């Protein structure tokens, strides 16, 4: 499957996920919503236990710095999900997602900061400016 088909598929699934989450957060707590989103991951880990065990062994061989970077995936996933869920629960899925759409800009920033990976050019800067302009309009009109 080409990467862009998978990316578009992810966008469609997230487009469905957010309103479902918005609805769920009106009925259950943030903690329960986080747990519900994590349960399929635990099932996947059980089904693929050998691979998870092999990955654990591989990670133990890595430097402490690299282990820390890998562990940061866990922390950033939890904090990012909790903040997103709080935003959706406090306002709604549509507005939260329109603000969250700025994340690619932060991906570019942190990719450069952490790994010196860069794909910045004029079109990226123009796109970023348009995104932030749109976010400013949304925030100013929906406080």
Protein backbone atom coordinates (compact mmCIF):
# COMPACT_ATOMS: atom_id res chain seq x y z
CA UNK A 1 0.00 0.00 0.00
CA UNK A 2 1.47 3.41 -0.90
CA UNK A 3 2.28 5.69 2.04
CA UNK A 4 -0.20 8.37 0.92
CA UNK A 5 -3.07 5.86 0.81
CA UNK A 6 -2.24 4.80 4.37
CA UNK A 7 -2.00 8.48 5.41
CA UNK A 8 -5.36 9.29 3.83
CA UNK A 9 -6.84 6.18 5.42
CA UNK A 10 -5.54 7.34 8.80
CA UNK A 11 -7.15 10.74 8.23
CA UNK A 12 -10.50 9.06 7.48
CA UNK A 13 -10.26 6.84 10.57
CA UNK A 14 -9.29 9.79 12.80
CA UNK A 15 -12.15 11.74 11.23
CA UNK A 16 -14.48 9.03 12.50
CA UNK A 17 -12.64 8.55 15.82
CA UNK A 18 -12.86 12.16 17.00
CA UNK A 19 -16.66 12.56 16.91
CA UNK A 20 -17.05 9.11 18.49
CA UNK A 21 -14.64 10.20 21.22
CA UNK A 22 -16.53 13.48 21.65
CA UNK A 23 -19.72 11.48 22.21
CA UNK A 24 -18.00 9.03 24.58
CA UNK A 25 -16.47 11.81 26.71
CA UNK A 26 -19.98 13.07 27.44
CA UNK A 27 -20.73 9.68 29.01
CA UNK A 28 -17.44 8.43 30.53
CA UNK A 29 -14.36 9.89 32.22
CA UNK A 30 -11.12 10.91 30.54
CA UNK A 31 -9.36 7.99 32.24
CA UNK A 32 -11.88 5.47 30.92
CA UNK A 33 -11.65 6.94 27.42
CA UNK A 34 -7.85 6.67 27.50
CA UNK A 35 -8.12 3.09 28.74
CA UNK A 36 -10.59 2.18 25.99
CA UNK A 37 -8.21 3.50 23.34
CA UNK A 38 -5.33 1.54 24.87
CA UNK A 39 -7.12 -1.82 25.21
CA UNK A 40 -6.71 -2.82 21.54
CA UNK A 41 -2.97 -2.17 21.88
CA UNK A 42 -2.76 -4.62 24.79
CA UNK A 43 -4.64 -7.25 22.75
CA UNK A 44 -2.26 -6.68 19.82
CA UNK A 45 0.71 -7.07 22.17
CA UNK A 46 -0.64 -10.38 23.47
CA UNK A 47 -1.25 -11.69 19.94
CA UNK A 48 2.27 -10.65 18.90
CA UNK A 49 3.99 -11.46 22.19
CA UNK A 50 7.08 -13.00 20.56
CA UNK A 51 7.74 -9.87 18.51
CA UNK A 52 7.23 -7.64 21.56
CA UNK A 53 9.64 -9.79 23.57
CA UNK A 54 12.22 -9.66 20.76
CA UNK A 55 11.84 -5.87 20.57
CA UNK A 56 12.30 -5.62 24.34
CA UNK A 57 15.53 -7.60 24.07
CA UNK A 58 16.71 -5.36 21.22
CA UNK A 59 15.95 -2.19 23.17
CA UNK A 60 17.93 -3.44 26.17
CA UNK A 61 21.00 -3.56 23.88
CA UNK A 62 20.66 0.11 22.89
CA UNK A 63 22.34 3.09 24.51
CA UNK A 64 20.66 4.75 27.45
CA UNK A 65 20.01 7.84 25.31
CA UNK A 66 18.26 5.79 22.62
CA UNK A 67 16.27 3.89 25.24
CA UNK A 68 15.16 7.23 26.65
CA UNK A 69 14.03 8.41 23.22
CA UNK A 70 12.03 5.20 22.76
CA UNK A 71 10.52 5.52 26.25
CA UNK A 72 9.55 9.10 25.41
CA UNK A 73 7.18 7.66 22.78
CA UNK A 74 5.11 6.24 25.64
CA UNK A 75 5.02 9.48 27.62
CA UNK A 76 4.29 11.74 24.65
CA UNK A 77 1.52 9.41 23.49
CA UNK A 78 -0.18 9.50 26.88
CA UNK A 79 0.19 13.26 27.40
CA UNK A 80 -0.81 14.09 23.81
CA UNK A 81 -3.87 11.84 24.00
CA UNK A 82 -4.91 13.22 27.39
CA UNK A 83 -4.58 16.83 26.19
CA UNK A 84 -6.51 16.07 23.00
CA UNK A 85 -9.25 14.28 24.93
CA UNK A 86 -9.46 17.20 27.38
CA UNK A 87 -9.79 19.61 24.47
CA UNK A 88 -12.51 17.55 22.79
CA UNK A 89 -14.36 17.09 26.08
CA UNK A 90 -14.14 20.82 26.91
CA UNK A 91 -15.28 22.11 23.51
CA UNK A 92 -15.97 19.64 20.68
CA UNK A 93 -14.23 17.33 18.23
CA UNK A 94 -14.46 19.71 15.27
CA UNK A 95 -12.82 22.71 16.90
CA UNK A 96 -10.26 20.60 18.78
CA UNK A 97 -9.21 18.88 15.57
CA UNK A 98 -8.95 22.18 13.69
CA UNK A 99 -6.50 23.46 16.33
CA UNK A 100 -4.66 20.14 16.57
CA UNK A 101 -4.03 20.23 12.82
CA UNK A 102 -1.02 22.42 13.61
CA UNK A 103 0.87 19.32 14.76
CA UNK A 104 2.78 18.86 11.45
CA UNK A 105 4.52 22.16 12.15
CA UNK A 106 5.69 20.81 15.50
CA UNK A 107 6.72 17.54 13.82
CA UNK A 108 9.03 19.52 11.54
CA UNK A 109 10.38 21.57 14.46
CA UNK A 110 11.09 18.59 16.71
CA UNK A 111 12.44 16.44 13.85
CA UNK A 112 15.00 19.16 13.24
CA UNK A 113 15.68 19.81 16.94
CA UNK A 114 16.11 16.16 17.90
CA UNK A 115 17.53 14.58 14.73
CA UNK A 116 18.60 17.48 12.49
CA UNK A 117 16.13 16.14 9.94
CA UNK A 118 14.73 18.90 7.79
CA UNK A 119 12.39 19.25 4.87
CA UNK A 120 11.82 22.97 5.30
CA UNK A 121 11.37 25.09 2.20
CA UNK A 122 9.29 28.06 1.06
CA UNK A 123 6.13 26.00 0.54
CA UNK A 124 6.38 24.59 4.07
CA UNK A 125 6.74 28.10 5.53
CA UNK A 126 3.80 29.42 3.48
CA UNK A 127 1.67 26.43 4.48
CA UNK A 128 2.63 26.90 8.14
CA UNK A 129 1.68 30.57 7.99
CA UNK A 130 -1.70 29.68 6.48
CA UNK A 131 -2.33 27.01 9.12
CA UNK A 132 -1.48 29.36 12.00
CA UNK A 133 -3.63 32.09 10.43
CA UNK A 134 -6.56 29.69 10.26
CA UNK A 135 -6.02 28.57 13.84
CA UNK A 136 -5.93 32.21 15.00
CA UNK A 137 -9.28 32.85 13.27
CA UNK A 138 -10.81 29.76 14.90
CA UNK A 139 -9.54 30.64 18.40
CA UNK A 140 -10.55 34.29 18.18
CA UNK A 141 -14.10 33.39 17.10
CA UNK A 142 -14.65 30.43 19.45
CA UNK A 143 -13.36 31.41 22.88
